[in-house]
C-alpha cells in the first residue's frame, strides 16, 4: 500500500533597496496521496497556508500595513470504474482574511470560495 507525503515551504521578498514598497510572502504546503480501495481508487488531500506581509496597500491606505492569512484545502477522489471508464471527484476550498479595511470598514480581501467538480472520462 504505497502512500506519498509531501511538505514544502517557500519564501519570497519583493521590493528594491530603498523603495517605499516592500512585501514578503510565506507559503507552506502539505499533501498526501493514498490508495482507498484495492489500489483502484486514490485520494489526494492537500493543505496550503499563505501569509502575505505588505508594507502598504495603495488601493486602501498608504499608511496601513496589510497582513493576509490565506488557506486552501484540496481533496480529490479518483480511479477506474472499468478498464475504459475513469472518474474524478474534487473539492477545492479557499478562504482569505486580512487586517485591511476600507472607509466603510469592509475588508476587500476577505473571501471564501468553494469549487466542486465531478468528471467521468471514457477512453474509446
PDB file of N, CA and C in Angstrom:
ATOM      1  N   UNK A   1       0.852  -1.177   0.000  1.00  0.00           N
ATOM      2  CA  UNK A   1       0.000   0.000   0.000  1.00  0.00           C
ATOM      3  C   UNK A   1       0.900   1.244   0.000  1.00  0.00           C
ATOM      4  N   UNK A   2       1.244   1.787  -1.184  1.00  0.00           N
ATOM      5  CA  UNK A   2       2.109   2.965  -1.241  1.00  0.00           C
ATOM      6  C   UNK A   2       1.352   4.234  -0.842  1.00  0.00           C
ATOM      7  N   UNK A   3       1.997   5.058  -0.052  1.00  0.00           N
ATOM      8  CA  UNK A   3       1.454   6.342   0.384  1.00  0.00           C
ATOM      9  C   UNK A   3       2.513   7.394   0.074  1.00  0.00           C
ATOM     10  N   UNK A   4       2.101   8.508  -0.486  1.00  0.00           N
ATOM     11  CA  UNK A   4       3.020   9.585  -0.818  1.00  0.00           C
ATOM     12  C   UNK A   4       2.698  10.798   0.040  1.00  0.00           C
ATOM     13  N   UNK A   5       3.692  11.346   0.715  1.00  0.00           N
ATOM     14  CA  UNK A   5       3.524  12.516   1.572  1.00  0.00           C
ATOM     15  C   UNK A   5       4.454  13.612   1.085  1.00  0.00           C
ATOM     16  N   UNK A   6       3.944  14.842   1.003  1.00  0.00           N
ATOM     17  CA  UNK A   6       4.726  15.976   0.526  1.00  0.00           C
ATOM     18  C   UNK A   6       4.590  17.130   1.502  1.00  0.00           C
ATOM     19  N   UNK A   7       5.693  17.836   1.732  1.00  0.00           N
ATOM     20  CA  UNK A   7       5.666  19.044   2.544  1.00  0.00           C
ATOM     21  C   UNK A   7       6.653  20.028   1.945  1.00  0.00           C
ATOM     22  N   UNK A   8       6.271  21.289   1.856  1.00  0.00           N
ATOM     23  CA  UNK A   8       7.180  22.269   1.281  1.00  0.00           C
ATOM     24  C   UNK A   8       6.958  23.652   1.856  1.00  0.00           C
ATOM     25  N   UNK A   9       7.975  24.492   1.720  1.00  0.00           N
ATOM     26  CA  UNK A   9       7.924  25.873   2.206  1.00  0.00           C
ATOM     27  C   UNK A   9       8.622  26.754   1.177  1.00  0.00           C
ATOM     28  N   UNK A  10       8.062  27.950   0.944  1.00  0.00           N
ATOM     29  CA  UNK A  10       8.678  28.895   0.038  1.00  0.00           C
ATOM     30  C   UNK A  10       8.525  30.297   0.613  1.00  0.00           C
ATOM     31  N   UNK A  11       9.572  31.101   0.521  1.00  0.00           N
ATOM     32  CA  UNK A  11       9.520  32.495   0.959  1.00  0.00           C
ATOM     33  C   UNK A  11       9.963  33.380  -0.180  1.00  0.00           C
ATOM     34  N   UNK A  12       9.278  34.509  -0.357  1.00  0.00           N
ATOM     35  CA  UNK A  12       9.688  35.496  -1.346  1.00  0.00           C
ATOM     36  C   UNK A  12       9.686  36.874  -0.698  1.00  0.00           C
ATOM     37  N   UNK A  13      10.582  37.704  -1.153  1.00  0.00           N
ATOM     38  CA  UNK A  13      10.664  39.096  -0.696  1.00  0.00           C
ATOM     39  C   UNK A  13      10.745  39.965  -1.937  1.00  0.00           C
ATOM     40  N   UNK A  14       9.901  40.991  -1.978  1.00  0.00           N
ATOM     41  CA  UNK A  14       9.864  41.865  -3.135  1.00  0.00           C
ATOM     42  C   UNK A  14      10.155  43.293  -2.705  1.00  0.00           C
ATOM     43  N   UNK A  15      10.628  44.092  -3.630  1.00  0.00           N
ATOM     44  CA  UNK A  15      10.917  45.499  -3.370  1.00  0.00           C
ATOM     45  C   UNK A  15      12.381  45.781  -3.591  1.00  0.00           C
ATOM     46  N   UNK A  16      12.647  46.918  -4.121  1.00  0.00           N
ATOM     47  CA  UNK A  16      14.028  47.307  -4.373  1.00  0.00           C
ATOM     48  C   UNK A  16      14.624  47.951  -3.130  1.00  0.00           C
ATOM     49  N   UNK A  17      15.909  47.965  -3.056  1.00  0.00           N
ATOM     50  CA  UNK A  17      16.600  48.605  -1.938  1.00  0.00           C
ATOM     51  C   UNK A  17      16.261  50.093  -1.939  1.00  0.00           C
ATOM     52  N   UNK A  18      15.771  50.584  -0.831  1.00  0.00           N
ATOM     53  CA  UNK A  18      15.400  51.995  -0.706  1.00  0.00           C
ATOM     54  C   UNK A  18      14.019  52.314  -1.228  1.00  0.00           C
ATOM     55  N   UNK A  19      13.302  51.338  -1.776  1.00  0.00           N
ATOM     56  CA  UNK A  19      11.958  51.583  -2.307  1.00  0.00           C
ATOM     57  C   UNK A  19      10.958  51.713  -1.169  1.00  0.00           C
ATOM     58  N   UNK A  20       9.879  52.417  -1.447  1.00  0.00           N
ATOM     59  CA  UNK A  20       8.824  52.584  -0.443  1.00  0.00           C
ATOM     60  C   UNK A  20       8.044  51.299  -0.227  1.00  0.00           C
ATOM     61  N   UNK A  21       7.948  50.489  -1.256  1.00  0.00           N
ATOM     62  CA  UNK A  21       7.095  49.305  -1.205  1.00  0.00           C
ATOM     63  C   UNK A  21       7.929  48.055  -0.950  1.00  0.00           C
ATOM     64  N   UNK A  22       7.615  47.342   0.099  1.00  0.00           N
ATOM     65  CA  UNK A  22       8.270  46.084   0.445  1.00  0.00           C
ATOM     66  C   UNK A  22       7.184  45.054   0.745  1.00  0.00           C
ATOM     67  N   UNK A  23       7.438  43.808   0.377  1.00  0.00           N
ATOM     68  CA  UNK A  23       6.483  42.758   0.726  1.00  0.00           C
ATOM     69  C   UNK A  23       7.223  41.449   0.943  1.00  0.00           C
ATOM     70  N   UNK A  24       6.624  40.591   1.722  1.00  0.00           N
ATOM     71  CA  UNK A  24       7.172  39.262   1.979  1.00  0.00           C
ATOM     72  C   UNK A  24       6.013  38.274   1.974  1.00  0.00           C
ATOM     73  N   UNK A  25       6.262  37.102   1.426  1.00  0.00           N
ATOM     74  CA  UNK A  25       5.247  36.059   1.348  1.00  0.00           C
ATOM     75  C   UNK A  25       5.845  34.761   1.879  1.00  0.00           C
ATOM     76  N   UNK A  26       5.070  34.061   2.682  1.00  0.00           N
ATOM     77  CA  UNK A  26       5.483  32.743   3.174  1.00  0.00           C
ATOM     78  C   UNK A  26       4.401  31.741   2.781  1.00  0.00           C
ATOM     79  N   UNK A  27       4.846  30.650   2.178  1.00  0.00           N
ATOM     80  CA  UNK A  27       3.929  29.674   1.583  1.00  0.00           C
ATOM     81  C   UNK A  27       4.305  28.300   2.127  1.00  0.00           C
ATOM     82  N   UNK A  28       3.345  27.629   2.762  1.00  0.00           N
ATOM     83  CA  UNK A  28       3.553  26.289   3.299  1.00  0.00           C
ATOM     84  C   UNK A  28       2.531  25.363   2.662  1.00  0.00           C
ATOM     85  N   UNK A  29       2.971  24.172   2.271  1.00  0.00           N
ATOM     86  CA  UNK A  29       2.069  23.216   1.643  1.00  0.00           C
ATOM     87  C   UNK A  29       2.364  21.822   2.168  1.00  0.00           C
ATOM     88  N   UNK A  30       1.303  21.072   2.388  1.00  0.00           N
ATOM     89  CA  UNK A  30       1.444  19.686   2.786  1.00  0.00           C
ATOM     90  C   UNK A  30       0.390  18.876   2.037  1.00  0.00           C
ATOM     91  N   UNK A  31       0.780  17.696   1.560  1.00  0.00           N
ATOM     92  CA  UNK A  31      -0.156  16.879   0.785  1.00  0.00           C
ATOM     93  C   UNK A  31       0.114  15.406   1.035  1.00  0.00           C
ATOM     94  N   UNK A  32      -0.931  14.626   0.838  1.00  0.00           N
ATOM     95  CA  UNK A  32      -0.798  13.183   0.962  1.00  0.00           C
ATOM     96  C   UNK A  32      -1.622  12.523  -0.147  1.00  0.00           C
ATOM     97  N   UNK A  33      -1.093  11.471  -0.700  1.00  0.00           N
ATOM     98  CA  UNK A  33      -1.795  10.654  -1.685  1.00  0.00           C
ATOM     99  C   UNK A  33      -1.819   9.234  -1.147  1.00  0.00           C
ATOM    100  N   UNK A  34      -2.982   8.620  -1.135  1.00  0.00           N
ATOM    101  CA  UNK A  34      -3.061   7.267  -0.605  1.00  0.00           C
ATOM    102  C   UNK A  34      -4.124   6.456  -1.317  1.00  0.00           C
ATOM    103  N   UNK A  35      -3.916   5.165  -1.397  1.00  0.00           N
ATOM    104  CA  UNK A  35      -4.926   4.300  -2.001  1.00  0.00           C
ATOM    105  C   UNK A  35      -6.110   4.140  -1.047  1.00  0.00           C
ATOM    106  N   UNK A  36      -7.299   4.106  -1.630  1.00  0.00           N
ATOM    107  CA  UNK A  36      -8.508   3.982  -0.813  1.00  0.00           C
ATOM    108  C   UNK A  36      -9.082   2.572  -0.891  1.00  0.00           C
ATOM    109  N   UNK A  37      -9.089   2.023  -2.116  1.00  0.00           N
ATOM    110  CA  UNK A  37      -9.690   0.703  -2.271  1.00  0.00           C
ATOM    111  C   UNK A  37      -8.934  -0.096  -3.324  1.00  0.00           C
ATOM    112  N   UNK A  38      -8.308  -1.149  -2.915  1.00  0.00           N
ATOM    113  CA  UNK A  38      -7.719  -2.147  -3.804  1.00  0.00           C
ATOM    114  C   UNK A  38      -6.805  -1.532  -4.878  1.00  0.00           C
ATOM    115  N   UNK A  39      -6.140  -0.447  -4.552  1.00  0.00           N
ATOM    116  CA  UNK A  39      -5.261   0.280  -5.476  1.00  0.00           C
ATOM    117  C   UNK A  39      -5.956   0.713  -6.770  1.00  0.00           C
ATOM    118  N   UNK A  40      -7.286   0.732  -6.781  1.00  0.00           N
ATOM    119  CA  UNK A  40      -8.034   1.202  -7.947  1.00  0.00           C
ATOM    120  C   UNK A  40      -8.568   2.608  -7.733  1.00  0.00           C
ATOM    121  N   UNK A  41      -8.782   2.972  -6.488  1.00  0.00           N
ATOM    122  CA  UNK A  41      -9.274   4.312  -6.153  1.00  0.00           C
ATOM    123  C   UNK A  41      -8.226   4.988  -5.273  1.00  0.00           C
ATOM    124  N   UNK A  42      -7.863   6.224  -5.652  1.00  0.00           N
ATOM    125  CA  UNK A  42      -6.853   7.001  -4.937  1.00  0.00           C
ATOM    126  C   UNK A  42      -7.491   8.242  -4.323  1.00  0.00           C
ATOM    127  N   UNK A  43      -6.867   8.766  -3.279  1.00  0.00           N
ATOM    128  CA  UNK A  43      -7.303  10.014  -2.649  1.00  0.00           C
ATOM    129  C   UNK A  43      -6.107  10.951  -2.546  1.00  0.00           C
ATOM    130  N   UNK A  44      -6.322  12.207  -2.878  1.00  0.00           N
ATOM    131  CA  UNK A  44      -5.340  13.273  -2.694  1.00  0.00           C
ATOM    132  C   UNK A  44      -5.933  14.285  -1.726  1.00  0.00           C
ATOM    133  N   UNK A  45      -5.162  14.656  -0.739  1.00  0.00           N
ATOM    134  CA  UNK A  45      -5.569  15.695   0.210  1.00  0.00           C
ATOM    135  C   UNK A  45      -4.402  16.660   0.330  1.00  0.00           C
ATOM    136  N   UNK A  46      -4.681  17.942   0.152  1.00  0.00           N
ATOM    137  CA  UNK A  46      -3.622  18.950   0.162  1.00  0.00           C
ATOM    138  C   UNK A  46      -4.089  20.160   0.963  1.00  0.00           C
ATOM    139  N   UNK A  47      -3.210  20.700   1.777  1.00  0.00           N
ATOM    140  CA  UNK A  47      -3.477  21.925   2.527  1.00  0.00           C
ATOM    141  C   UNK A  47      -2.392  22.945   2.252  1.00  0.00           C
ATOM    142  N   UNK A  48      -2.789  24.205   2.081  1.00  0.00           N
ATOM    143  CA  UNK A  48      -1.850  25.284   1.792  1.00  0.00           C
ATOM    144  C   UNK A  48      -2.142  26.448   2.732  1.00  0.00           C
ATOM    145  N   UNK A  49      -1.087  27.048   3.255  1.00  0.00           N
ATOM    146  CA  UNK A  49      -1.192  28.274   4.043  1.00  0.00           C
ATOM    147  C   UNK A  49      -0.277  29.312   3.407  1.00  0.00           C
ATOM    148  N   UNK A  50      -0.800  30.496   3.148  1.00  0.00           N
ATOM    149  CA  UNK A  50      -0.038  31.586   2.558  1.00  0.00           C
ATOM    150  C   UNK A  50      -0.187  32.817   3.439  1.00  0.00           C
ATOM    151  N   UNK A  51       0.944  33.386   3.874  1.00  0.00           N
ATOM    152  CA  UNK A  51       0.941  34.613   4.668  1.00  0.00           C
ATOM    153  C   UNK A  51       1.536  35.728   3.827  1.00  0.00           C
ATOM    154  N   UNK A  52       0.789  36.821   3.677  1.00  0.00           N
ATOM    155  CA  UNK A  52       1.277  37.992   2.948  1.00  0.00           C
ATOM    156  C   UNK A  52       1.539  39.117   3.931  1.00  0.00           C
ATOM    157  N   UNK A  53       2.701  39.700   3.830  1.00  0.00           N
ATOM    158  CA  UNK A  53       3.097  40.821   4.676  1.00  0.00           C
ATOM    159  C   UNK A  53       3.474  41.961   3.726  1.00  0.00           C
ATOM    160  N   UNK A  54       2.596  42.937   3.562  1.00  0.00           N
ATOM    161  CA  UNK A  54       2.788  44.006   2.591  1.00  0.00           C
ATOM    162  C   UNK A  54       2.869  45.321   3.350  1.00  0.00           C
ATOM    163  N   UNK A  55       3.926  46.117   3.064  1.00  0.00           N
ATOM    164  CA  UNK A  55       4.144  47.373   3.783  1.00  0.00           C
ATOM    165  C   UNK A  55       2.958  48.323   3.692  1.00  0.00           C
ATOM    166  N   UNK A  56       2.366  48.439   2.528  1.00  0.00           N
ATOM    167  CA  UNK A  56       1.160  49.253   2.403  1.00  0.00           C
ATOM    168  C   UNK A  56       0.387  48.822   1.174  1.00  0.00           C
ATOM    169  N   UNK A  57      -0.893  49.142   1.177  1.00  0.00           N
ATOM    170  CA  UNK A  57      -1.749  48.843   0.042  1.00  0.00           C
ATOM    171  C   UNK A  57      -2.228  50.171  -0.527  1.00  0.00           C
ATOM    172  N   UNK A  58      -1.689  50.615  -1.656  1.00  0.00           N
ATOM    173  CA  UNK A  58      -2.072  51.926  -2.190  1.00  0.00           C
ATOM    174  C   UNK A  58      -3.543  52.004  -2.583  1.00  0.00           C
ATOM    175  N   UNK A  59      -4.205  50.862  -2.760  1.00  0.00           N
ATOM    176  CA  UNK A  59      -5.635  50.873  -3.090  1.00  0.00           C
ATOM    177  C   UNK A  59      -6.506  51.173  -1.874  1.00  0.00           C
ATOM    178  N   UNK A  60      -5.976  50.992  -0.682  1.00  0.00           N
ATOM    179  CA  UNK A  60      -6.762  51.190   0.541  1.00  0.00           C
ATOM    180  C   UNK A  60      -6.240  52.390   1.321  1.00  0.00           C
ATOM    181  N   UNK A  61      -5.007  52.298   1.808  1.00  0.00           N
ATOM    182  CA  UNK A  61      -4.440  53.349   2.651  1.00  0.00           C
ATOM    183  C   UNK A  61      -2.919  53.229   2.602  1.00  0.00           C
ATOM    184  N   UNK A  62      -2.255  54.300   2.273  1.00  0.00           N
ATOM    185  CA  UNK A  62      -0.794  54.264   2.152  1.00  0.00           C
ATOM    186  C   UNK A  62      -0.104  54.091   3.501  1.00  0.00           C
ATOM    187  N   UNK A  63      -0.822  54.324   4.596  1.00  0.00           N
ATOM    188  CA  UNK A  63      -0.218  54.211   5.932  1.00  0.00           C
ATOM    189  C   UNK A  63      -0.503  52.866   6.601  1.00  0.00           C
ATOM    190  N   UNK A  64      -1.351  52.059   6.019  1.00  0.00           N
ATOM    191  CA  UNK A  64      -1.767  50.811   6.663  1.00  0.00           C
ATOM    192  C   UNK A  64      -1.001  49.625   6.088  1.00  0.00           C
ATOM    193  N   UNK A  65      -0.427  48.809   6.957  1.00  0.00           N
ATOM    194  CA  UNK A  65       0.259  47.592   6.528  1.00  0.00           C
ATOM    195  C   UNK A  65      -0.768  46.478   6.376  1.00  0.00           C
ATOM    196  N   UNK A  66      -0.609  45.718   5.317  1.00  0.00           N
ATOM    197  CA  UNK A  66      -1.567  44.640   5.025  1.00  0.00           C
ATOM    198  C   UNK A  66      -0.963  43.305   5.427  1.00  0.00           C
ATOM    199  N   UNK A  67      -1.745  42.516   6.172  1.00  0.00           N
ATOM    200  CA  UNK A  67      -1.356  41.172   6.590  1.00  0.00           C
ATOM    201  C   UNK A  67      -2.487  40.219   6.219  1.00  0.00           C
ATOM    202  N   UNK A  68      -2.217  39.303   5.310  1.00  0.00           N
ATOM    203  CA  UNK A  68      -3.232  38.344   4.865  1.00  0.00           C
ATOM    204  C   UNK A  68      -2.863  36.943   5.334  1.00  0.00           C
ATOM    205  N   UNK A  69      -3.879  36.211   5.739  1.00  0.00           N
ATOM    206  CA  UNK A  69      -3.751  34.784   6.040  1.00  0.00           C
ATOM    207  C   UNK A  69      -4.691  34.066   5.077  1.00  0.00           C
ATOM    208  N   UNK A  70      -4.118  33.282   4.172  1.00  0.00           N
ATOM    209  CA  UNK A  70      -4.911  32.586   3.157  1.00  0.00           C
ATOM    210  C   UNK A  70      -4.729  31.077   3.317  1.00  0.00           C
ATOM    211  N   UNK A  71      -5.840  30.357   3.233  1.00  0.00           N
ATOM    212  CA  UNK A  71      -5.837  28.906   3.400  1.00  0.00           C
ATOM    213  C   UNK A  71      -6.508  28.251   2.194  1.00  0.00           C
ATOM    214  N   UNK A  72      -5.974  27.113   1.773  1.00  0.00           N
ATOM    215  CA  UNK A  72      -6.561  26.320   0.698  1.00  0.00           C
ATOM    216  C   UNK A  72      -6.649  24.864   1.155  1.00  0.00           C
ATOM    217  N   UNK A  73      -7.752  24.238   0.804  1.00  0.00           N
ATOM    218  CA  UNK A  73      -7.922  22.801   1.043  1.00  0.00           C
ATOM    219  C   UNK A  73      -8.361  22.192  -0.282  1.00  0.00           C
ATOM    220  N   UNK A  74      -7.661  21.163  -0.698  1.00  0.00           N
ATOM    221  CA  UNK A  74      -7.976  20.492  -1.951  1.00  0.00           C
ATOM    222  C   UNK A  74      -8.081  18.997  -1.676  1.00  0.00           C
ATOM    223  N   UNK A  75      -9.216  18.407  -2.041  1.00  0.00           N
ATOM    224  CA  UNK A  75      -9.424  16.969  -1.861  1.00  0.00           C
ATOM    225  C   UNK A  75      -9.934  16.379  -3.165  1.00  0.00           C
ATOM    226  N   UNK A  76      -9.362  15.253  -3.555  1.00  0.00           N
ATOM    227  CA  UNK A  76      -9.797  14.559  -4.760  1.00  0.00           C
ATOM    228  C   UNK A  76      -9.874  13.067  -4.506  1.00  0.00           C
ATOM    229  N   UNK A  77     -10.848  12.477  -5.129  1.00  0.00           N
ATOM    230  CA  UNK A  77     -11.019  11.026  -5.121  1.00  0.00           C
ATOM    231  C   UNK A  77     -11.115  10.624  -6.586  1.00  0.00           C
ATOM    232  N   UNK A  78     -10.267   9.695  -7.027  1.00  0.00           N
ATOM    233  CA  UNK A  78     -10.250   9.342  -8.436  1.00  0.00           C
ATOM    234  C   UNK A  78      -9.846   7.882  -8.616  1.00  0.00           C
ATOM    235  N   UNK A  79     -10.232   7.349  -9.772  1.00  0.00           N
ATOM    236  CA  UNK A  79      -9.871   5.967 -10.051  1.00  0.00           C
ATOM    237  C   UNK A  79     -10.601   5.430 -11.260  1.00  0.00           C
ATOM    238  N   UNK A  80     -10.484   4.124 -11.442  1.00  0.00           N
ATOM    239  CA  UNK A  80     -11.100   3.439 -12.572  1.00  0.00           C
ATOM    240  C   UNK A  80     -12.377   2.744 -12.126  1.00  0.00           C
ATOM    241  N   UNK A  81     -13.439   2.965 -12.888  1.00  0.00           N
ATOM    242  CA  UNK A  81     -14.681   2.225 -12.663  1.00  0.00           C
ATOM    243  C   UNK A  81     -14.610   0.927 -13.459  1.00  0.00           C
ATOM    244  N   UNK A  82     -14.180   1.041 -14.712  1.00  0.00           N
ATOM    245  CA  UNK A  82     -13.899  -0.117 -15.568  1.00  0.00           C
ATOM    246  C   UNK A  82     -12.556   0.151 -16.243  1.00  0.00           C
ATOM    247  N   UNK A  83     -12.147  -0.731 -17.131  1.00  0.00           N
ATOM    248  CA  UNK A  83     -10.875  -0.522 -17.825  1.00  0.00           C
ATOM    249  C   UNK A  83     -10.925   0.675 -18.771  1.00  0.00           C
ATOM    250  N   UNK A  84     -12.116   1.116 -19.173  1.00  0.00           N
ATOM    251  CA  UNK A  84     -12.255   2.253 -20.083  1.00  0.00           C
ATOM    252  C   UNK A  84     -12.878   3.489 -19.440  1.00  0.00           C
ATOM    253  N   UNK A  85     -13.440   3.359 -18.259  1.00  0.00           N
ATOM    254  CA  UNK A  85     -14.142   4.475 -17.619  1.00  0.00           C
ATOM    255  C   UNK A  85     -13.459   4.875 -16.313  1.00  0.00           C
ATOM    256  N   UNK A  86     -13.073   6.144 -16.246  1.00  0.00           N
ATOM    257  CA  UNK A  86     -12.449   6.698 -15.032  1.00  0.00           C
ATOM    258  C   UNK A  86     -13.354   7.778 -14.443  1.00  0.00           C
ATOM    259  N   UNK A  87     -13.158   8.070 -13.163  1.00  0.00           N
ATOM    260  CA  UNK A  87     -13.905   9.142 -12.522  1.00  0.00           C
ATOM    261  C   UNK A  87     -12.951   9.999 -11.684  1.00  0.00           C
ATOM    262  N   UNK A  88     -13.385  11.226 -11.434  1.00  0.00           N
ATOM    263  CA  UNK A  88     -12.649  12.155 -10.587  1.00  0.00           C
ATOM    264  C   UNK A  88     -13.662  13.036  -9.876  1.00  0.00           C
ATOM    265  N   UNK A  89     -13.623  13.050  -8.554  1.00  0.00           N
ATOM    266  CA  UNK A  89     -14.491  13.908  -7.741  1.00  0.00           C
ATOM    267  C   UNK A  89     -13.570  14.835  -6.958  1.00  0.00           C
ATOM    268  N   UNK A  90     -13.802  16.143  -7.074  1.00  0.00           N
ATOM    269  CA  UNK A  90     -12.902  17.087  -6.425  1.00  0.00           C
ATOM    270  C   UNK A  90     -13.626  18.158  -5.636  1.00  0.00           C
ATOM    271  N   UNK A  91     -12.931  18.665  -4.629  1.00  0.00           N
ATOM    272  CA  UNK A  91     -13.424  19.762  -3.786  1.00  0.00           C
ATOM    273  C   UNK A  91     -12.243  20.685  -3.505  1.00  0.00           C
ATOM    274  N   UNK A  92     -12.415  21.971  -3.769  1.00  0.00           N
ATOM    275  CA  UNK A  92     -11.373  22.953  -3.522  1.00  0.00           C
ATOM    276  C   UNK A  92     -11.975  24.118  -2.747  1.00  0.00           C
ATOM    277  N   UNK A  93     -11.453  24.395  -1.583  1.00  0.00           N
ATOM    278  CA  UNK A  93     -11.949  25.475  -0.718  1.00  0.00           C
ATOM    279  C   UNK A  93     -10.811  26.446  -0.473  1.00  0.00           C
ATOM    280  N   UNK A  94     -11.075  27.725  -0.613  1.00  0.00           N
ATOM    281  CA  UNK A  94     -10.081  28.750  -0.297  1.00  0.00           C
ATOM    282  C   UNK A  94     -10.745  29.842   0.524  1.00  0.00           C
ATOM    283  N   UNK A  95     -10.022  30.344   1.495  1.00  0.00           N
ATOM    284  CA  UNK A  95     -10.506  31.497   2.245  1.00  0.00           C
ATOM    285  C   UNK A  95      -9.329  32.368   2.643  1.00  0.00           C
ATOM    286  N   UNK A  96      -9.598  33.660   2.647  1.00  0.00           N
ATOM    287  CA  UNK A  96      -8.569  34.652   2.910  1.00  0.00           C
ATOM    288  C   UNK A  96      -9.104  35.645   3.936  1.00  0.00           C
ATOM    289  N   UNK A  97      -8.253  36.042   4.836  1.00  0.00           N
ATOM    290  CA  UNK A  97      -8.598  37.043   5.842  1.00  0.00           C
ATOM    291  C   UNK A  97      -7.424  38.004   5.950  1.00  0.00           C
ATOM    292  N   UNK A  98      -7.703  39.286   6.038  1.00  0.00           N
ATOM    293  CA  UNK A  98      -6.629  40.266   6.177  1.00  0.00           C
ATOM    294  C   UNK A  98      -7.009  41.268   7.262  1.00  0.00           C
ATOM    295  N   UNK A  99      -6.083  42.119   7.606  1.00  0.00           N
ATOM    296  CA  UNK A  99      -6.325  43.133   8.626  1.00  0.00           C
ATOM    297  C   UNK A  99      -6.684  44.481   8.013  1.00  0.00           C
ATOM    298  N   UNK A 100      -6.863  44.531   6.693  1.00  0.00           N
ATOM    299  CA  UNK A 100      -7.098  45.787   5.989  1.00  0.00           C
ATOM    300  C   UNK A 100      -8.587  46.056   5.862  1.00  0.00           C
ATOM    301  N   UNK A 101      -8.975  47.306   6.109  1.00  0.00           N
ATOM    302  CA  UNK A 101     -10.369  47.713   5.899  1.00  0.00           C
ATOM    303  C   UNK A 101     -10.380  49.031   5.131  1.00  0.00           C
ATOM    304  N   UNK A 102     -11.443  49.239   4.357  1.00  0.00           N
ATOM    305  CA  UNK A 102     -11.582  50.497   3.633  1.00  0.00           C
ATOM    306  C   UNK A 102     -12.381  51.487   4.477  1.00  0.00           C
ATOM    307  N   UNK A 103     -12.805  52.604   3.881  1.00  0.00           N
ATOM    308  CA  UNK A 103     -13.529  53.650   4.620  1.00  0.00           C
ATOM    309  C   UNK A 103     -14.860  53.165   5.176  1.00  0.00           C
ATOM    310  N   UNK A 104     -15.458  52.148   4.569  1.00  0.00           N
ATOM    311  CA  UNK A 104     -16.732  51.599   5.048  1.00  0.00           C
ATOM    312  C   UNK A 104     -16.517  50.442   6.028  1.00  0.00           C
ATOM    313  N   UNK A 105     -15.294  50.260   6.496  1.00  0.00           N
ATOM    314  CA  UNK A 105     -14.904  49.199   7.425  1.00  0.00           C
ATOM    315  C   UNK A 105     -15.148  47.796   6.845  1.00  0.00           C
ATOM    316  N   UNK A 106     -14.973  47.682   5.541  1.00  0.00           N
ATOM    317  CA  UNK A 106     -15.099  46.401   4.845  1.00  0.00           C
ATOM    318  C   UNK A 106     -13.702  45.935   4.465  1.00  0.00           C
ATOM    319  N   UNK A 107     -13.419  44.668   4.710  1.00  0.00           N
ATOM    320  CA  UNK A 107     -12.149  44.087   4.309  1.00  0.00           C
ATOM    321  C   UNK A 107     -12.307  43.570   2.881  1.00  0.00           C
ATOM    322  N   UNK A 108     -11.754  44.275   1.878  1.00  0.00           N
ATOM    323  CA  UNK A 108     -11.951  43.847   0.491  1.00  0.00           C
ATOM    324  C   UNK A 108     -11.203  42.558   0.147  1.00  0.00           C
ATOM    325  N   UNK A 109     -10.308  42.120   1.012  1.00  0.00           N
ATOM    326  CA  UNK A 109      -9.525  40.921   0.746  1.00  0.00           C
ATOM    327  C   UNK A 109     -10.048  39.705   1.511  1.00  0.00           C
ATOM    328  N   UNK A 110     -11.152  39.859   2.214  1.00  0.00           N
ATOM    329  CA  UNK A 110     -11.754  38.739   2.935  1.00  0.00           C
ATOM    330  C   UNK A 110     -12.700  38.015   1.976  1.00  0.00           C
ATOM    331  N   UNK A 111     -12.455  36.728   1.748  1.00  0.00           N
ATOM    332  CA  UNK A 111     -13.339  35.968   0.870  1.00  0.00           C
ATOM    333  C   UNK A 111     -13.272  34.491   1.218  1.00  0.00           C
ATOM    334  N   UNK A 112     -14.329  33.799   0.811  1.00  0.00           N
ATOM    335  CA  UNK A 112     -14.398  32.340   0.907  1.00  0.00           C
ATOM    336  C   UNK A 112     -15.021  31.829  -0.379  1.00  0.00           C
ATOM    337  N   UNK A 113     -14.381  30.828  -0.968  1.00  0.00           N
ATOM    338  CA  UNK A 113     -14.902  30.242  -2.196  1.00  0.00           C
ATOM    339  C   UNK A 113     -14.731  28.727  -2.141  1.00  0.00           C
ATOM    340  N   UNK A 114     -15.627  28.045  -2.815  1.00  0.00           N
ATOM    341  CA  UNK A 114     -15.527  26.587  -2.915  1.00  0.00           C
ATOM    342  C   UNK A 114     -15.886  26.175  -4.335  1.00  0.00           C
ATOM    343  N   UNK A 115     -15.155  25.202  -4.839  1.00  0.00           N
ATOM    344  CA  UNK A 115     -15.411  24.658  -6.170  1.00  0.00           C
ATOM    345  C   UNK A 115     -15.544  23.145  -6.023  1.00  0.00           C
ATOM    346  N   UNK A 116     -16.595  22.601  -6.615  1.00  0.00           N
ATOM    347  CA  UNK A 116     -16.825  21.161  -6.629  1.00  0.00           C
ATOM    348  C   UNK A 116     -16.766  20.695  -8.075  1.00  0.00           C
ATOM    349  N   UNK A 117     -16.239  19.518  -8.298  1.00  0.00           N
ATOM    350  CA  UNK A 117     -16.225  19.000  -9.670  1.00  0.00           C
ATOM    351  C   UNK A 117     -16.435  17.490  -9.654  1.00  0.00           C
ATOM    352  N   UNK A 118     -17.104  17.025 -10.698  1.00  0.00           N
ATOM    353  CA  UNK A 118     -17.293  15.595 -10.927  1.00  0.00           C
ATOM    354  C   UNK A 118     -17.001  15.358 -12.399  1.00  0.00           C
ATOM    355  N   UNK A 119     -16.103  14.416 -12.675  1.00  0.00           N
ATOM    356  CA  UNK A 119     -15.733  14.109 -14.048  1.00  0.00           C
ATOM    357  C   UNK A 119     -15.814  12.609 -14.281  1.00  0.00           C
ATOM    358  N   UNK A 120     -16.255  12.274 -15.486  1.00  0.00           N
ATOM    359  CA  UNK A 120     -16.194  10.902 -15.963  1.00  0.00           C
ATOM    360  C   UNK A 120     -15.455  10.920 -17.284  1.00  0.00           C
ATOM    361  N   UNK A 121     -14.449  10.086 -17.404  1.00  0.00           N
ATOM    362  CA  UNK A 121     -13.608  10.046 -18.601  1.00  0.00           C
ATOM    363  C   UNK A 121     -13.723   8.652 -19.212  1.00  0.00           C
ATOM    364  N   UNK A 122     -14.127   8.634 -20.463  1.00  0.00           N
ATOM    365  CA  UNK A 122     -14.274   7.361 -21.159  1.00  0.00           C
ATOM    366  C   UNK A 122     -13.255   7.279 -22.283  1.00  0.00           C
ATOM    367  N   UNK A 123     -12.477   6.208 -22.326  1.00  0.00           N
ATOM    368  CA  UNK A 123     -11.490   6.000 -23.386  1.00  0.00           C
ATOM    369  C   UNK A 123     -12.059   5.040 -24.422  1.00  0.00           C
ATOM    370  N   UNK A 124     -12.087   5.492 -25.651  1.00  0.00           N
ATOM    371  CA  UNK A 124     -12.616   4.663 -26.750  1.00  0.00           C
ATOM    372  C   UNK A 124     -11.570   3.696 -27.251  1.00  0.00           C
TER     373      UNK A 124
END
